[in-house]
Protein backbone atom coordinates (compact mmCIF):
# COMPACT_ATOMS: atom_id res chain seq x y z
CA UNK A 1 0.15 0.12 0.15
CA UNK A 2 1.36 3.15 -0.97
CA UNK A 3 1.66 6.48 1.14
CA UNK A 4 -1.54 8.27 0.01
CA UNK A 5 -3.16 5.12 0.57
CA UNK A 6 -1.79 4.97 3.98
CA UNK A 7 -3.12 8.54 5.00
CA UNK A 8 -6.09 8.07 3.07
CA UNK A 9 -6.78 5.17 5.34
CA UNK A 10 -5.55 6.95 8.68
CA UNK A 11 -7.46 9.98 8.03
CA UNK A 12 -10.68 7.42 7.47
CA UNK A 13 -10.21 6.02 11.04
CA UNK A 14 -10.28 9.33 12.37
CA UNK A 15 -13.30 10.70 10.83
CA UNK A 16 -14.93 7.46 12.53
CA UNK A 17 -13.56 7.91 16.22
CA UNK A 18 -14.40 11.49 15.69
CA UNK A 19 -17.79 10.62 14.54
CA UNK A 20 -17.95 7.69 17.04
CA UNK A 21 -17.07 9.86 20.20
CA UNK A 22 -19.51 13.01 19.53
CA UNK A 23 -22.40 10.33 19.48
CA UNK A 24 -21.02 9.18 22.75
CA UNK A 25 -20.44 5.45 21.40
CA UNK A 26 -17.81 3.31 22.76
CA UNK A 27 -14.95 2.37 20.55
CA UNK A 28 -12.21 -0.04 20.82
CA UNK A 29 -8.83 -0.29 19.22
CA UNK A 30 -6.69 -2.55 17.96
CA UNK A 31 -2.43 -2.01 17.24
CA UNK A 32 0.39 -3.62 16.54
CA UNK A 33 2.38 -4.93 19.70
CA UNK A 34 5.06 -6.44 18.90
CA UNK A 35 5.95 -8.11 14.97
CA UNK A 36 8.58 -10.35 13.40
CA UNK A 37 9.36 -10.46 9.84
CA UNK A 38 6.78 -8.90 7.04
CA UNK A 39 9.68 -7.02 5.59
CA UNK A 40 9.13 -3.28 5.15
CA UNK A 41 5.92 -2.83 6.46
CA UNK A 42 3.96 0.40 7.41
CA UNK A 43 4.18 2.23 11.24
CA UNK A 44 1.85 2.76 13.00
CA UNK A 45 -1.16 0.79 12.23
CA UNK A 46 -4.71 0.93 13.59
CA UNK A 47 -7.79 -0.80 13.60
CA UNK A 48 -10.70 1.05 15.01
CA UNK A 49 -14.02 -0.67 15.96
CA UNK A 50 -17.54 -0.04 17.71
CA UNK A 51 -19.73 -2.80 19.88
CA UNK A 52 -21.66 -3.24 17.09
CA UNK A 53 -19.17 -3.93 14.33
CA UNK A 54 -18.65 -0.66 12.45
CA UNK A 55 -14.68 -0.51 11.78
CA UNK A 56 -12.22 1.87 10.07
CA UNK A 57 -8.44 0.82 9.06
CA UNK A 58 -6.88 -2.27 8.93
CA UNK A 59 -3.36 -4.11 10.69
CA UNK A 60 -1.11 -5.56 7.81
CA UNK A 61 -3.75 -5.07 5.07
CA UNK A 62 -6.34 -6.66 6.39
CA UNK A 63 -4.21 -10.40 6.31
CA UNK A 64 -4.70 -10.96 10.37
CA UNK A 65 -8.63 -10.66 10.23
CA UNK A 66 -9.41 -13.56 11.93
CA UNK A 67 -7.22 -12.62 14.69
CA UNK A 68 -7.64 -8.63 15.04
CA UNK A 69 -11.45 -8.84 14.56
CA UNK A 70 -12.09 -10.71 17.35
CA UNK A 71 -9.89 -9.17 19.33
CA UNK A 72 -11.72 -5.73 18.55
CA UNK A 73 -14.85 -6.64 19.15
CA UNK A 74 -13.69 -7.17 23.00
CA UNK A 75 -11.66 -4.29 22.87
CA UNK A 76 -14.21 -2.13 22.77
CA UNK A 77 -15.03 -2.91 26.88
CA UNK A 78 -11.90 -4.67 27.95
CA UNK A 79 -7.49 -4.77 26.76
CA UNK A 80 -6.60 -8.24 25.52
CA UNK A 81 -3.35 -9.83 23.65
CA UNK A 82 -3.61 -12.05 20.22
CA UNK A 83 -0.97 -13.78 18.22
CA UNK A 84 -1.28 -14.31 14.25
CA UNK A 85 0.69 -15.40 11.19
CA UNK A 86 0.19 -14.44 7.50
CA UNK A 87 1.71 -17.18 5.22
CA UNK A 88 4.08 -16.12 2.03
CA UNK A 89 1.20 -15.86 -0.86
CA UNK A 90 -1.24 -14.30 1.70
CA UNK A 91 1.21 -11.81 2.74
CA UNK A 92 2.16 -11.04 -1.15
CA UNK A 93 -1.36 -11.02 -2.25
CA UNK A 94 -2.31 -8.19 -0.56
CA UNK A 95 1.03 -6.46 -1.31
CA UNK A 96 3.19 -6.95 1.26
CA UNK A 97 6.71 -8.00 1.27
CA UNK A 98 7.01 -11.54 3.06
CA UNK A 99 5.55 -13.86 5.73
CA UNK A 100 5.57 -12.48 9.07
CA UNK A 101 4.26 -12.40 12.79
CA UNK A 102 2.48 -10.29 15.07
CA UNK A 103 1.18 -10.00 18.54
CA UNK A 104 -1.49 -8.04 18.66
CA UNK A 105 -3.14 -5.67 21.64
CA UNK A 106 -6.64 -4.29 21.73
CA UNK A 107 -8.09 -1.90 24.15
CA UNK A 108 -10.50 0.56 24.52
CA UNK A 109 -10.32 4.47 23.54
CA UNK A 110 -12.21 6.39 26.50
CA UNK A 111 -14.60 8.84 24.70
CA UNK A 112 -12.16 11.85 25.20
CA UNK A 113 -9.26 10.46 23.56
CA UNK A 114 -11.45 8.83 21.11
CA UNK A 115 -12.30 12.75 20.12
CA UNK A 116 -8.77 14.15 20.83
CA UNK A 117 -7.11 11.07 18.27
CA UNK A 118 -9.56 11.08 16.09
CA UNK A 119 -9.85 14.80 15.57
CA UNK A 120 -6.32 15.00 14.94
CA UNK A 121 -5.81 12.26 13.01
CA UNK A 122 -8.72 12.83 10.64
CA UNK A 123 -7.23 16.71 10.07
CA UNK A 124 -4.05 16.06 9.34
CA UNK A 125 -2.44 16.55 12.47
CA UNK A 126 0.32 15.17 14.92
CA UNK A 127 -0.86 12.80 17.10
CA UNK A 128 -0.13 9.74 19.61
CA UNK A 129 -1.55 7.28 21.24
CA UNK A 130 0.63 5.35 23.94
CA UNK A 131 -1.21 2.39 26.02
CA UNK A 132 0.26 0.28 29.15
CA UNK A 133 1.64 -2.89 27.35
CA UNK A 134 -1.39 -4.32 28.85
CA UNK A 135 -3.74 -1.82 27.47
CA UNK A 136 -5.39 -0.88 30.75
CA UNK A 137 -4.18 2.67 30.52
CA UNK A 138 -4.24 4.89 27.55
CA UNK A 139 -3.01 8.83 26.96
CA UNK A 140 -3.37 10.53 23.57
CA UNK A 141 -1.66 13.75 22.37
CA UNK A 142 -2.62 15.89 19.34
CA UNK A 143 -2.36 19.47 18.22
CA UNK A 144 0.47 21.20 17.53
CA UNK A 145 3.65 20.21 19.38
CA UNK A 146 1.22 17.40 21.06
CA UNK A 147 0.55 19.69 23.35
CA UNK A 148 -3.50 18.28 23.65
CA UNK A 149 -3.08 15.78 26.01
CA UNK A 150 -5.54 13.09 27.37
CA UNK A 151 -5.53 10.54 29.82
CA UNK A 152 -3.15 9.04 32.07
CA UNK A 153 -1.07 5.87 31.93
CA UNK A 154 -1.10 5.41 35.58
CA UNK A 155 1.71 7.39 37.31
CA UNK A 156 3.02 11.97 36.80
CA UNK A 157 6.33 10.80 35.88
CA UNK A 158 5.27 8.53 33.04
CA UNK A 159 3.31 10.12 31.74
CA UNK A 160 5.98 12.84 31.05
CA UNK A 161 8.77 10.93 30.14
CA UNK A 162 6.09 9.04 27.42
CA UNK A 163 5.21 12.63 26.36
CA UNK A 164 8.22 13.70 26.08
CA UNK A 165 9.30 10.89 23.52
CA UNK A 166 5.99 11.61 21.93
CA UNK A 167 7.25 14.90 20.86
CA UNK A 168 10.71 13.86 20.55
CA UNK A 169 9.35 11.19 17.43
CA UNK A 170 6.98 14.05 15.48
CA UNK A 171 9.73 16.71 15.27
CA UNK A 172 11.29 13.77 13.82
CA UNK A 173 8.62 14.14 10.75
CA UNK A 174 7.97 10.37 10.80
CA UNK A 175 5.46 8.05 11.93
CA UNK A 176 6.51 5.42 14.44
CA UNK A 177 6.04 2.67 16.81
CA UNK A 178 7.96 1.79 19.62
CA UNK A 179 7.62 -0.53 22.57
CA UNK A 180 9.72 -0.03 25.97
CA UNK A 181 9.66 -0.15 29.32
CA UNK A 182 9.46 3.41 30.88
CA UNK A 183 9.99 4.22 34.85
CA UNK A 184 9.33 0.09 35.01
CA UNK A 185 6.28 0.98 33.26
CA UNK A 186 6.19 -1.49 29.55
CA UNK A 187 4.94 0.88 27.61
CA UNK A 188 3.68 1.06 23.54
CA UNK A 189 3.80 4.01 21.50
CA UNK A 190 2.45 4.94 18.48
CA UNK A 191 2.94 8.51 16.22
CA UNK A 192 1.42 9.81 13.42
CA UNK A 193 2.81 12.57 11.74
CA UNK A 194 0.99 13.96 8.52
CA UNK A 195 2.29 13.36 4.81
CA UNK A 196 5.55 15.47 4.32
CA UNK A 197 4.52 18.02 1.49
CA UNK A 198 7.31 19.25 -1.10
CA UNK A 199 7.20 22.31 -2.04
CA UNK A 200 8.74 23.31 -5.63
CA UNK A 201 9.02 26.42 -6.95
CA UNK A 202 10.20 26.45 -10.53
CA UNK A 203 10.79 24.11 -13.55
CA UNK A 204 12.49 22.30 -15.79
CA UNK A 205 14.23 18.96 -15.71
CA UNK A 206 15.16 18.73 -12.01
CA UNK A 207 11.99 19.41 -11.03
CA UNK A 208 10.74 16.69 -12.97
CA UNK A 209 12.90 14.51 -11.50
CA UNK A 210 12.23 16.20 -7.46
CA UNK A 211 8.81 15.34 -8.09
CA UNK A 212 9.76 11.62 -9.24
CA UNK A 213 12.15 11.49 -6.10
CA UNK A 214 9.50 12.58 -3.42
CA UNK A 215 6.71 9.83 -5.35
CA UNK A 216 9.18 7.35 -3.96
CA UNK A 217 8.87 8.66 -0.52
CA UNK A 218 5.20 8.68 -0.40
CA UNK A 219 5.80 12.92 -0.19
CA UNK A 220 3.45 14.78 -1.70
CA UNK A 221 4.03 17.62 -4.55
CA UNK A 222 2.82 21.16 -4.97
CA UNK A 223 5.23 22.70 -8.14
CA UNK A 224 4.89 26.18 -8.70
CA UNK A 225 5.86 28.65 -10.61
CA UNK A 226 4.46 32.24 -10.21
CA UNK A 227 5.31 34.60 -7.19
CA UNK A 228 1.87 34.55 -5.95
CA UNK A 229 0.78 30.56 -5.17
CA UNK A 230 4.35 29.79 -3.99
CA UNK A 231 3.59 32.22 -1.17
CA UNK A 232 0.65 31.05 -0.44
CA UNK A 233 1.98 27.31 -0.64
CA UNK A 234 4.86 28.90 1.94
CA UNK A 235 1.86 30.18 4.48
CA UNK A 236 0.44 26.07 4.70
CA UNK A 237 4.00 24.60 5.77
CA UNK A 238 3.73 22.82 8.62
CA UNK A 239 7.28 21.45 10.19
CA UNK A 240 7.39 18.32 7.77
CA UNK A 241 6.75 20.08 4.04
CA UNK A 242 9.95 21.01 2.40
CA UNK A 243 10.74 23.89 0.15
CA UNK A 244 12.82 23.11 -2.58
CA UNK A 245 13.63 26.47 -4.04
CA UNK A 246 14.38 26.15 -8.47
CA UNK A 247 13.70 29.70 -9.74
CA UNK A 248 16.63 32.19 -8.49
CA UNK A 249 14.51 35.02 -9.80
CA UNK A 250 14.56 37.78 -6.77
CA UNK A 251 10.98 37.79 -6.32
CA UNK A 252 10.78 34.21 -5.29
CA UNK A 253 12.92 35.55 -2.38
CA UNK A 254 9.37 36.31 -0.30
CA UNK A 255 9.14 32.77 -0.57
CA UNK A 256 12.48 32.45 1.84
CA UNK A 257 10.89 34.98 3.49
CA UNK A 258 8.15 33.83 4.39
CA UNK A 259 9.42 30.28 5.52
CA UNK A 260 12.35 31.79 7.49
CA UNK A 261 10.13 34.03 9.40
CA UNK A 262 7.83 30.93 10.20
CA UNK A 263 10.13 28.66 11.23
CA UNK A 264 8.49 25.89 9.80
CA UNK A 265 9.97 23.28 7.59
CA UNK A 266 12.69 23.10 5.44
CA UNK A 267 14.06 25.36 3.69
CA UNK A 268 15.90 24.90 0.50
CA UNK A 269 17.61 26.60 -2.32
CA UNK A 270 19.43 25.56 -5.49
CA UNK A 271 22.24 27.59 -7.21
CA UNK A 272 25.80 28.28 -7.18
CA UNK A 273 27.65 29.92 -4.06
CA UNK A 274 27.92 32.91 -6.03
CA UNK A 275 23.70 32.87 -6.78
CA UNK A 276 23.53 32.02 -2.63
CA UNK A 277 26.15 35.14 -1.29
CA UNK A 278 24.01 37.87 -3.36
CA UNK A 279 20.68 35.78 -2.73
CA UNK A 280 21.74 36.13 1.21
CA UNK A 281 22.74 39.39 1.06
CA UNK A 282 18.83 40.14 -0.27
CA UNK A 283 17.45 38.47 2.46
CA UNK A 284 19.47 40.42 4.91
CA UNK A 285 17.96 43.49 3.02
CA UNK A 286 14.62 42.62 3.79
CA UNK A 287 15.24 42.22 7.54
CA UNK A 288 16.20 38.50 8.25
CA UNK A 289 18.06 37.54 10.91
CA UNK A 290 21.64 35.98 10.61
CA UNK A 291 19.47 33.20 12.89
CA UNK A 292 16.42 33.02 10.62
CA UNK A 293 18.85 32.77 7.89
CA UNK A 294 21.04 30.12 9.55
CA UNK A 295 17.89 27.51 8.50
CA UNK A 296 18.26 28.06 4.85
CA UNK A 297 19.81 25.03 2.88
CA UNK A 298 21.63 26.39 -0.07
CA UNK A 299 22.97 25.41 -2.11
CA UNK A 300 21.07 22.54 -1.29
CA UNK A 301 21.67 18.73 -1.34
CA UNK A 302 24.39 16.38 0.35
CA UNK A 303 28.09 16.57 -2.24
CA UNK A 304 27.48 13.38 -4.16
CA UNK A 305 29.09 14.66 -7.31
CA UNK A 306 24.99 14.87 -9.00
CA UNK A 307 26.02 15.53 -12.99
CA UNK A 308 22.60 14.83 -13.96
CA UNK A 309 18.57 15.66 -12.71
CA UNK A 310 18.17 12.42 -11.44
CA UNK A 311 21.02 12.21 -9.32
CA UNK A 312 20.62 15.69 -8.07
CA UNK A 313 17.10 15.04 -7.43
CA UNK A 314 18.65 11.99 -4.93
CA UNK A 315 21.03 14.78 -3.31
CA UNK A 316 18.30 17.26 -2.35
CA UNK A 317 16.08 15.02 -1.01
CA UNK A 318 19.01 12.90 1.22
CA UNK A 319 20.11 16.39 2.83
CA UNK A 320 16.58 16.45 3.91
CA UNK A 321 16.47 13.20 5.51
CA UNK A 322 19.82 13.57 6.77
CA UNK A 323 18.87 16.62 8.43
CA UNK A 324 16.01 15.23 10.12
CA UNK A 325 17.18 11.66 10.82
CA UNK A 326 20.66 14.31 12.98
CA UNK A 327 22.95 12.11 10.51
CA UNK A 328 25.71 14.01 8.44
CA UNK A 329 25.41 12.24 5.67
CA UNK A 330 28.95 10.67 5.23
CA UNK A 331 28.76 6.65 4.17
CA UNK A 332 28.24 4.14 6.55
CA UNK A 333 31.35 2.38 6.59
CA UNK A 334 32.83 5.03 7.87
CA UNK A 335 30.57 5.89 10.90
CA UNK A 336 30.05 3.68 13.93
CA UNK A 337 26.15 4.47 14.94
CA UNK A 338 23.05 2.69 14.43
CA UNK A 339 22.36 2.39 10.89
CA UNK A 340 19.15 3.05 9.81
CA UNK A 341 16.82 5.54 11.70
């Protein structure tokens, strides 16, 4: 399943949770507590439902429904776990990379938690759901900076540590699932963030290659060649969005000014080193401070020696990923740390 489909399912689950909460209907959810196999599979999977059998979302593309659906039915009123396995043929037929197994956790979602989580998912806002590993306690955080908090995991110190981790994961800009011990409490955390949109300002072969690269990453793309819609796009930025300014025209400095002052997203601009210096002088003259200017990635990209539009596109998105993960972008063989995000 592509990122667009994942986002659609997530929003549909959110809309359902919000509607059920508004109607005063109890709901439960099924989440992935542990898994093995499956290859690369989406994190933050969520299946939600009500006592009368209404459902939204899925886990593992429905391949574990024989286990997940009975668990969901009971999860509306009481927590529980169940194990399941997916064969290779069933996995491949559903679009999964390979066979695998998982332990699923089902638990009730109190009305206030369902309303907060549902609204954030439906509106495409950052949100997070944490529960004890047995599903007996739930904490939800939503909104900008995950500041809308509902519920508790049973102890203030656990809540604060989990909230801190949730917010850290959200700042990374990628949906994530983690399970571990927090102050002696076993906790499952799911964090969902909006899909990245890359605003490409300018056209040409690099713009085309960059659009294709974004599609591979599951990012949305908005391409603008006129100033007014480009500035409008910048005004809509979230923390996970990316600007790639391809046009060197001074008029498009207005897009940079908007983003540098807002502090939102990744602000990148192409051009030679001379072009970058001239652009920086113009931005300073426009009132951009040195602190704000430090957010500008220009020239944008990692030093890969790119010489074609396609290679340049790889370089550009590689820097975005490296910055998000706090990595240098150097060769793995020269590093001793953890491989992967």
